[in-house]
């Protein structure tokens, strides 16, 4: 058999790590984590980013990015509960 099963395709399309294939589920989880981190970053840090641009204050982007992934992990954990 070649190609994806309907279950695998649905898991990818719906971003639900329940394809029945471990490596594919891991990829879906990582994609969700990246999506959640991006959403956390844009919603939580947008005011701080805009303020730093307007006032020439340095913003520690590495810490902001790290925190976005911490939030993404928490969002994934809450999603699984």
PDB file of N, CA and C in Angstrom:
ATOM      1  N   UNK A   1       0.838  -1.180   0.000  1.00  0.00           N
ATOM      2  CA  UNK A   1       0.000   0.000   0.000  1.00  0.00           C
ATOM      3  C   UNK A   1       0.885   1.245   0.000  1.00  0.00           C
ATOM      4  N   UNK A   2       0.540   2.190  -0.804  1.00  0.00           N
ATOM      5  CA  UNK A   2       1.293   3.436  -0.855  1.00  0.00           C
ATOM      6  C   UNK A   2       0.391   4.586  -0.442  1.00  0.00           C
ATOM      7  N   UNK A   3       1.021   5.675  -0.085  1.00  0.00           N
ATOM      8  CA  UNK A   3       0.251   6.855   0.299  1.00  0.00           C
ATOM      9  C   UNK A   3      -0.192   6.809   1.747  1.00  0.00           C
ATOM     10  N   UNK A   4      -1.015   7.775   2.106  1.00  0.00           N
ATOM     11  CA  UNK A   4      -1.496   7.890   3.475  1.00  0.00           C
ATOM     12  C   UNK A   4      -2.859   7.232   3.635  1.00  0.00           C
ATOM     13  N   UNK A   5      -3.092   6.801   4.854  1.00  0.00           N
ATOM     14  CA  UNK A   5      -4.428   6.304   5.163  1.00  0.00           C
ATOM     15  C   UNK A   5      -5.332   7.514   5.403  1.00  0.00           C
ATOM     16  N   UNK A   6      -6.612   7.283   5.383  1.00  0.00           N
ATOM     17  CA  UNK A   6      -7.563   8.347   5.669  1.00  0.00           C
ATOM     18  C   UNK A   6      -7.344   8.893   7.079  1.00  0.00           C
ATOM     19  N   UNK A   7      -7.046   8.023   8.016  1.00  0.00           N
ATOM     20  CA  UNK A   7      -6.790   8.440   9.395  1.00  0.00           C
ATOM     21  C   UNK A   7      -5.570   9.349   9.483  1.00  0.00           C
ATOM     22  N   UNK A   8      -4.503   9.004   8.770  1.00  0.00           N
ATOM     23  CA  UNK A   8      -3.298   9.832   8.778  1.00  0.00           C
ATOM     24  C   UNK A   8      -3.584  11.195   8.151  1.00  0.00           C
ATOM     25  N   UNK A   9      -4.281  11.196   7.033  1.00  0.00           N
ATOM     26  CA  UNK A   9      -4.615  12.448   6.367  1.00  0.00           C
ATOM     27  C   UNK A   9      -5.465  13.322   7.280  1.00  0.00           C
ATOM     28  N   UNK A  10      -6.471  12.731   7.934  1.00  0.00           N
ATOM     29  CA  UNK A  10      -7.345  13.492   8.829  1.00  0.00           C
ATOM     30  C   UNK A  10      -6.557  14.049  10.002  1.00  0.00           C
ATOM     31  N   UNK A  11      -5.637  13.259  10.563  1.00  0.00           N
ATOM     32  CA  UNK A  11      -4.824  13.726  11.684  1.00  0.00           C
ATOM     33  C   UNK A  11      -3.991  14.937  11.295  1.00  0.00           C
ATOM     34  N   UNK A  12      -3.417  14.901  10.105  1.00  0.00           N
ATOM     35  CA  UNK A  12      -2.623  16.034   9.627  1.00  0.00           C
ATOM     36  C   UNK A  12      -3.517  17.248   9.399  1.00  0.00           C
ATOM     37  N   UNK A  13      -4.587  17.063   8.691  1.00  0.00           N
ATOM     38  CA  UNK A  13      -5.479  18.164   8.336  1.00  0.00           C
ATOM     39  C   UNK A  13      -6.099  18.812   9.577  1.00  0.00           C
ATOM     40  N   UNK A  14      -6.500  17.982  10.545  1.00  0.00           N
ATOM     41  CA  UNK A  14      -7.157  18.495  11.750  1.00  0.00           C
ATOM     42  C   UNK A  14      -6.168  18.841  12.860  1.00  0.00           C
ATOM     43  N   UNK A  15      -4.887  18.561  12.629  1.00  0.00           N
ATOM     44  CA  UNK A  15      -3.824  18.791  13.618  1.00  0.00           C
ATOM     45  C   UNK A  15      -4.133  18.075  14.928  1.00  0.00           C
ATOM     46  N   UNK A  16      -4.496  16.809  14.798  1.00  0.00           N
ATOM     47  CA  UNK A  16      -4.783  15.951  15.945  1.00  0.00           C
ATOM     48  C   UNK A  16      -3.767  14.814  15.927  1.00  0.00           C
ATOM     49  N   UNK A  17      -2.877  14.739  16.917  1.00  0.00           N
ATOM     50  CA  UNK A  17      -1.847  13.695  16.912  1.00  0.00           C
ATOM     51  C   UNK A  17      -2.407  12.326  17.281  1.00  0.00           C
ATOM     52  N   UNK A  18      -3.244  11.801  16.392  1.00  0.00           N
ATOM     53  CA  UNK A  18      -3.886  10.513  16.621  1.00  0.00           C
ATOM     54  C   UNK A  18      -3.955   9.746  15.299  1.00  0.00           C
ATOM     55  N   UNK A  19      -2.828   9.731  14.600  1.00  0.00           N
ATOM     56  CA  UNK A  19      -2.793   9.098  13.280  1.00  0.00           C
ATOM     57  C   UNK A  19      -2.561   7.600  13.346  1.00  0.00           C
ATOM     58  N   UNK A  20      -2.092   7.123  14.506  1.00  0.00           N
ATOM     59  CA  UNK A  20      -1.734   5.720  14.615  1.00  0.00           C
ATOM     60  C   UNK A  20      -0.292   5.454  14.200  1.00  0.00           C
ATOM     61  N   UNK A  21       0.420   6.503  13.817  1.00  0.00           N
ATOM     62  CA  UNK A  21       1.825   6.402  13.415  1.00  0.00           C
ATOM     63  C   UNK A  21       2.639   7.329  14.312  1.00  0.00           C
ATOM     64  N   UNK A  22       3.525   6.742  15.117  1.00  0.00           N
ATOM     65  CA  UNK A  22       4.243   7.513  16.131  1.00  0.00           C
ATOM     66  C   UNK A  22       5.007   8.703  15.563  1.00  0.00           C
ATOM     67  N   UNK A  23       5.770   8.482  14.480  1.00  0.00           N
ATOM     68  CA  UNK A  23       6.588   9.570  13.946  1.00  0.00           C
ATOM     69  C   UNK A  23       5.710  10.686  13.389  1.00  0.00           C
ATOM     70  N   UNK A  24       4.578  10.344  12.811  1.00  0.00           N
ATOM     71  CA  UNK A  24       3.677  11.359  12.275  1.00  0.00           C
ATOM     72  C   UNK A  24       3.016  12.138  13.409  1.00  0.00           C
ATOM     73  N   UNK A  25       2.617  11.438  14.473  1.00  0.00           N
ATOM     74  CA  UNK A  25       2.032  12.112  15.623  1.00  0.00           C
ATOM     75  C   UNK A  25       3.033  13.064  16.265  1.00  0.00           C
ATOM     76  N   UNK A  26       4.305  12.669  16.324  1.00  0.00           N
ATOM     77  CA  UNK A  26       5.342  13.561  16.855  1.00  0.00           C
ATOM     78  C   UNK A  26       5.464  14.827  16.004  1.00  0.00           C
ATOM     79  N   UNK A  27       5.393  14.670  14.688  1.00  0.00           N
ATOM     80  CA  UNK A  27       5.465  15.838  13.795  1.00  0.00           C
ATOM     81  C   UNK A  27       4.250  16.748  13.988  1.00  0.00           C
ATOM     82  N   UNK A  28       3.092  16.161  14.168  1.00  0.00           N
ATOM     83  CA  UNK A  28       1.882  16.951  14.376  1.00  0.00           C
ATOM     84  C   UNK A  28       1.984  17.712  15.697  1.00  0.00           C
ATOM     85  N   UNK A  29       2.474  17.046  16.746  1.00  0.00           N
ATOM     86  CA  UNK A  29       2.651  17.717  18.044  1.00  0.00           C
ATOM     87  C   UNK A  29       3.621  18.889  17.920  1.00  0.00           C
ATOM     88  N   UNK A  30       4.724  18.706  17.208  1.00  0.00           N
ATOM     89  CA  UNK A  30       5.696  19.787  17.046  1.00  0.00           C
ATOM     90  C   UNK A  30       5.087  20.942  16.266  1.00  0.00           C
ATOM     91  N   UNK A  31       4.301  20.625  15.257  1.00  0.00           N
ATOM     92  CA  UNK A  31       3.632  21.666  14.484  1.00  0.00           C
ATOM     93  C   UNK A  31       2.646  22.440  15.361  1.00  0.00           C
ATOM     94  N   UNK A  32       1.905  21.724  16.197  1.00  0.00           N
ATOM     95  CA  UNK A  32       0.987  22.389  17.131  1.00  0.00           C
ATOM     96  C   UNK A  32       1.749  23.278  18.092  1.00  0.00           C
ATOM     97  N   UNK A  33       2.869  22.776  18.594  1.00  0.00           N
ATOM     98  CA  UNK A  33       3.682  23.561  19.524  1.00  0.00           C
ATOM     99  C   UNK A  33       4.163  24.849  18.860  1.00  0.00           C
ATOM    100  N   UNK A  34       4.621  24.741  17.618  1.00  0.00           N
ATOM    101  CA  UNK A  34       5.059  25.933  16.893  1.00  0.00           C
ATOM    102  C   UNK A  34       3.900  26.912  16.691  1.00  0.00           C
ATOM    103  N   UNK A  35       2.739  26.399  16.335  1.00  0.00           N
ATOM    104  CA  UNK A  35       1.564  27.258  16.151  1.00  0.00           C
ATOM    105  C   UNK A  35       1.172  27.952  17.445  1.00  0.00           C
ATOM    106  N   UNK A  36       1.138  27.184  18.540  1.00  0.00           N
ATOM    107  CA  UNK A  36       0.774  27.760  19.826  1.00  0.00           C
ATOM    108  C   UNK A  36       1.798  28.796  20.278  1.00  0.00           C
ATOM    109  N   UNK A  37       3.075  28.515  20.064  1.00  0.00           N
ATOM    110  CA  UNK A  37       4.117  29.466  20.450  1.00  0.00           C
ATOM    111  C   UNK A  37       3.967  30.772  19.674  1.00  0.00           C
ATOM    112  N   UNK A  38       3.682  30.671  18.402  1.00  0.00           N
ATOM    113  CA  UNK A  38       3.498  31.870  17.586  1.00  0.00           C
ATOM    114  C   UNK A  38       2.291  32.671  18.059  1.00  0.00           C
ATOM    115  N   UNK A  39       1.219  31.981  18.386  1.00  0.00           N
ATOM    116  CA  UNK A  39       0.025  32.675  18.862  1.00  0.00           C
ATOM    117  C   UNK A  39       0.261  33.312  20.221  1.00  0.00           C
ATOM    118  N   UNK A  40       0.955  32.606  21.102  1.00  0.00           N
ATOM    119  CA  UNK A  40       1.268  33.166  22.413  1.00  0.00           C
ATOM    120  C   UNK A  40       2.148  34.401  22.257  1.00  0.00           C
ATOM    121  N   UNK A  41       3.099  34.314  21.375  1.00  0.00           N
ATOM    122  CA  UNK A  41       4.018  35.424  21.147  1.00  0.00           C
ATOM    123  C   UNK A  41       3.279  36.658  20.652  1.00  0.00           C
ATOM    124  N   UNK A  42       2.434  36.489  19.678  1.00  0.00           N
ATOM    125  CA  UNK A  42       1.762  37.653  19.099  1.00  0.00           C
ATOM    126  C   UNK A  42       0.741  38.275  20.035  1.00  0.00           C
ATOM    127  N   UNK A  43       0.040  37.451  20.810  1.00  0.00           N
ATOM    128  CA  UNK A  43      -0.990  38.015  21.675  1.00  0.00           C
ATOM    129  C   UNK A  43      -0.446  38.543  22.988  1.00  0.00           C
ATOM    130  N   UNK A  44       0.570  37.894  23.531  1.00  0.00           N
ATOM    131  CA  UNK A  44       1.065  38.295  24.845  1.00  0.00           C
ATOM    132  C   UNK A  44       2.128  39.378  24.786  1.00  0.00           C
ATOM    133  N   UNK A  45       2.902  39.408  23.731  1.00  0.00           N
ATOM    134  CA  UNK A  45       4.039  40.309  23.708  1.00  0.00           C
ATOM    135  C   UNK A  45       3.900  41.461  22.727  1.00  0.00           C
ATOM    136  N   UNK A  46       2.836  41.519  22.002  1.00  0.00           N
ATOM    137  CA  UNK A  46       2.664  42.601  21.041  1.00  0.00           C
ATOM    138  C   UNK A  46       2.772  43.984  21.693  1.00  0.00           C
ATOM    139  N   UNK A  47       2.082  44.234  22.819  1.00  0.00           N
ATOM    140  CA  UNK A  47       2.222  45.569  23.437  1.00  0.00           C
ATOM    141  C   UNK A  47       3.659  45.876  23.856  1.00  0.00           C
ATOM    142  N   UNK A  48       4.373  44.889  24.416  1.00  0.00           N
ATOM    143  CA  UNK A  48       5.754  45.116  24.837  1.00  0.00           C
ATOM    144  C   UNK A  48       6.660  45.383  23.643  1.00  0.00           C
ATOM    145  N   UNK A  49       6.418  44.666  22.560  1.00  0.00           N
ATOM    146  CA  UNK A  49       7.223  44.875  21.352  1.00  0.00           C
ATOM    147  C   UNK A  49       6.976  46.270  20.793  1.00  0.00           C
ATOM    148  N   UNK A  50       5.718  46.666  20.720  1.00  0.00           N
ATOM    149  CA  UNK A  50       5.401  48.000  20.200  1.00  0.00           C
ATOM    150  C   UNK A  50       5.989  49.094  21.090  1.00  0.00           C
ATOM    151  N   UNK A  51       5.925  48.902  22.405  1.00  0.00           N
ATOM    152  CA  UNK A  51       6.486  49.898  23.320  1.00  0.00           C
ATOM    153  C   UNK A  51       7.994  50.004  23.149  1.00  0.00           C
ATOM    154  N   UNK A  52       8.665  48.860  22.987  1.00  0.00           N
ATOM    155  CA  UNK A  52      10.116  48.883  22.829  1.00  0.00           C
ATOM    156  C   UNK A  52      10.514  49.568  21.531  1.00  0.00           C
ATOM    157  N   UNK A  53       9.705  49.407  20.496  1.00  0.00           N
ATOM    158  CA  UNK A  53       9.988  50.074  19.223  1.00  0.00           C
ATOM    159  C   UNK A  53       9.810  51.577  19.368  1.00  0.00           C
ATOM    160  N   UNK A  54       8.763  51.992  20.061  1.00  0.00           N
ATOM    161  CA  UNK A  54       8.451  53.408  20.200  1.00  0.00           C
ATOM    162  C   UNK A  54       9.403  54.122  21.147  1.00  0.00           C
ATOM    163  N   UNK A  55       9.975  53.409  22.124  1.00  0.00           N
ATOM    164  CA  UNK A  55      10.822  54.057  23.126  1.00  0.00           C
ATOM    165  C   UNK A  55      12.292  53.683  22.999  1.00  0.00           C
ATOM    166  N   UNK A  56      12.657  52.934  21.990  1.00  0.00           N
ATOM    167  CA  UNK A  56      14.034  52.470  21.784  1.00  0.00           C
ATOM    168  C   UNK A  56      14.567  51.681  22.977  1.00  0.00           C
ATOM    169  N   UNK A  57      13.700  50.965  23.667  1.00  0.00           N
ATOM    170  CA  UNK A  57      14.110  50.106  24.770  1.00  0.00           C
ATOM    171  C   UNK A  57      14.462  48.745  24.193  1.00  0.00           C
ATOM    172  N   UNK A  58      15.586  48.196  24.640  1.00  0.00           N
ATOM    173  CA  UNK A  58      15.982  46.871  24.166  1.00  0.00           C
ATOM    174  C   UNK A  58      15.047  45.816  24.740  1.00  0.00           C
ATOM    175  N   UNK A  59      14.625  44.922  23.907  1.00  0.00           N
ATOM    176  CA  UNK A  59      13.766  43.821  24.305  1.00  0.00           C
ATOM    177  C   UNK A  59      14.566  42.539  24.146  1.00  0.00           C
ATOM    178  N   UNK A  60      14.620  41.712  25.181  1.00  0.00           N
ATOM    179  CA  UNK A  60      15.370  40.474  25.113  1.00  0.00           C
ATOM    180  C   UNK A  60      14.566  39.447  24.313  1.00  0.00           C
ATOM    181  N   UNK A  61      14.797  39.431  23.021  1.00  0.00           N
ATOM    182  CA  UNK A  61      14.017  38.582  22.114  1.00  0.00           C
ATOM    183  C   UNK A  61      14.217  37.101  22.396  1.00  0.00           C
ATOM    184  N   UNK A  62      15.402  36.712  22.832  1.00  0.00           N
ATOM    185  CA  UNK A  62      15.639  35.304  23.153  1.00  0.00           C
ATOM    186  C   UNK A  62      14.740  34.859  24.298  1.00  0.00           C
ATOM    187  N   UNK A  63      14.611  35.702  25.321  1.00  0.00           N
ATOM    188  CA  UNK A  63      13.750  35.367  26.459  1.00  0.00           C
ATOM    189  C   UNK A  63      12.287  35.345  26.046  1.00  0.00           C
ATOM    190  N   UNK A  64      11.888  36.274  25.192  1.00  0.00           N
ATOM    191  CA  UNK A  64      10.508  36.308  24.710  1.00  0.00           C
ATOM    192  C   UNK A  64      10.198  35.026  23.942  1.00  0.00           C
ATOM    193  N   UNK A  65      11.094  34.618  23.052  1.00  0.00           N
ATOM    194  CA  UNK A  65      10.889  33.403  22.261  1.00  0.00           C
ATOM    195  C   UNK A  65      10.855  32.174  23.165  1.00  0.00           C
ATOM    196  N   UNK A  66      11.752  32.124  24.143  1.00  0.00           N
ATOM    197  CA  UNK A  66      11.782  30.998  25.072  1.00  0.00           C
ATOM    198  C   UNK A  66      10.469  30.904  25.848  1.00  0.00           C
ATOM    199  N   UNK A  67       9.967  32.041  26.310  1.00  0.00           N
ATOM    200  CA  UNK A  67       8.716  32.050  27.058  1.00  0.00           C
ATOM    201  C   UNK A  67       7.541  31.640  26.175  1.00  0.00           C
ATOM    202  N   UNK A  68       7.579  32.004  24.906  1.00  0.00           N
ATOM    203  CA  UNK A  68       6.512  31.617  23.985  1.00  0.00           C
ATOM    204  C   UNK A  68       6.420  30.093  23.890  1.00  0.00           C
ATOM    205  N   UNK A  69       7.568  29.410  23.883  1.00  0.00           N
ATOM    206  CA  UNK A  69       7.553  27.949  23.831  1.00  0.00           C
ATOM    207  C   UNK A  69       7.140  27.333  25.166  1.00  0.00           C
ATOM    208  N   UNK A  70       7.461  27.986  26.277  1.00  0.00           N
ATOM    209  CA  UNK A  70       6.967  27.528  27.580  1.00  0.00           C
ATOM    210  C   UNK A  70       5.439  27.601  27.582  1.00  0.00           C
ATOM    211  N   UNK A  71       4.896  28.700  27.080  1.00  0.00           N
ATOM    212  CA  UNK A  71       3.447  28.841  26.985  1.00  0.00           C
ATOM    213  C   UNK A  71       2.861  27.790  26.036  1.00  0.00           C
ATOM    214  N   UNK A  72       3.534  27.526  24.943  1.00  0.00           N
ATOM    215  CA  UNK A  72       3.056  26.518  23.990  1.00  0.00           C
ATOM    216  C   UNK A  72       2.995  25.143  24.644  1.00  0.00           C
ATOM    217  N   UNK A  73       4.019  24.793  25.437  1.00  0.00           N
ATOM    218  CA  UNK A  73       4.000  23.512  26.148  1.00  0.00           C
ATOM    219  C   UNK A  73       2.812  23.447  27.110  1.00  0.00           C
ATOM    220  N   UNK A  74       2.556  24.547  27.817  1.00  0.00           N
ATOM    221  CA  UNK A  74       1.419  24.588  28.743  1.00  0.00           C
ATOM    222  C   UNK A  74       0.099  24.464  27.987  1.00  0.00           C
ATOM    223  N   UNK A  75       0.009  25.080  26.821  1.00  0.00           N
ATOM    224  CA  UNK A  75      -1.210  25.000  26.018  1.00  0.00           C
ATOM    225  C   UNK A  75      -1.434  23.569  25.526  1.00  0.00           C
ATOM    226  N   UNK A  76      -0.359  22.891  25.125  1.00  0.00           N
ATOM    227  CA  UNK A  76      -0.477  21.495  24.691  1.00  0.00           C
ATOM    228  C   UNK A  76      -0.906  20.598  25.849  1.00  0.00           C
ATOM    229  N   UNK A  77      -0.332  20.831  27.024  1.00  0.00           N
ATOM    230  CA  UNK A  77      -0.703  20.036  28.201  1.00  0.00           C
ATOM    231  C   UNK A  77      -2.167  20.246  28.547  1.00  0.00           C
ATOM    232  N   UNK A  78      -2.617  21.483  28.516  1.00  0.00           N
ATOM    233  CA  UNK A  78      -4.030  21.783  28.810  1.00  0.00           C
ATOM    234  C   UNK A  78      -4.928  21.163  27.757  1.00  0.00           C
ATOM    235  N   UNK A  79      -4.481  21.140  26.533  1.00  0.00           N
ATOM    236  CA  UNK A  79      -5.271  20.576  25.439  1.00  0.00           C
ATOM    237  C   UNK A  79      -5.472  19.081  25.622  1.00  0.00           C
ATOM    238  N   UNK A  80      -4.461  18.396  26.151  1.00  0.00           N
ATOM    239  CA  UNK A  80      -4.529  16.953  26.346  1.00  0.00           C
ATOM    240  C   UNK A  80      -5.374  16.576  27.563  1.00  0.00           C
ATOM    241  N   UNK A  81      -5.549  17.519  28.484  1.00  0.00           N
ATOM    242  CA  UNK A  81      -6.313  17.219  29.723  1.00  0.00           C
ATOM    243  C   UNK A  81      -7.804  17.134  29.449  1.00  0.00           C
TER     244      UNK A  81
END
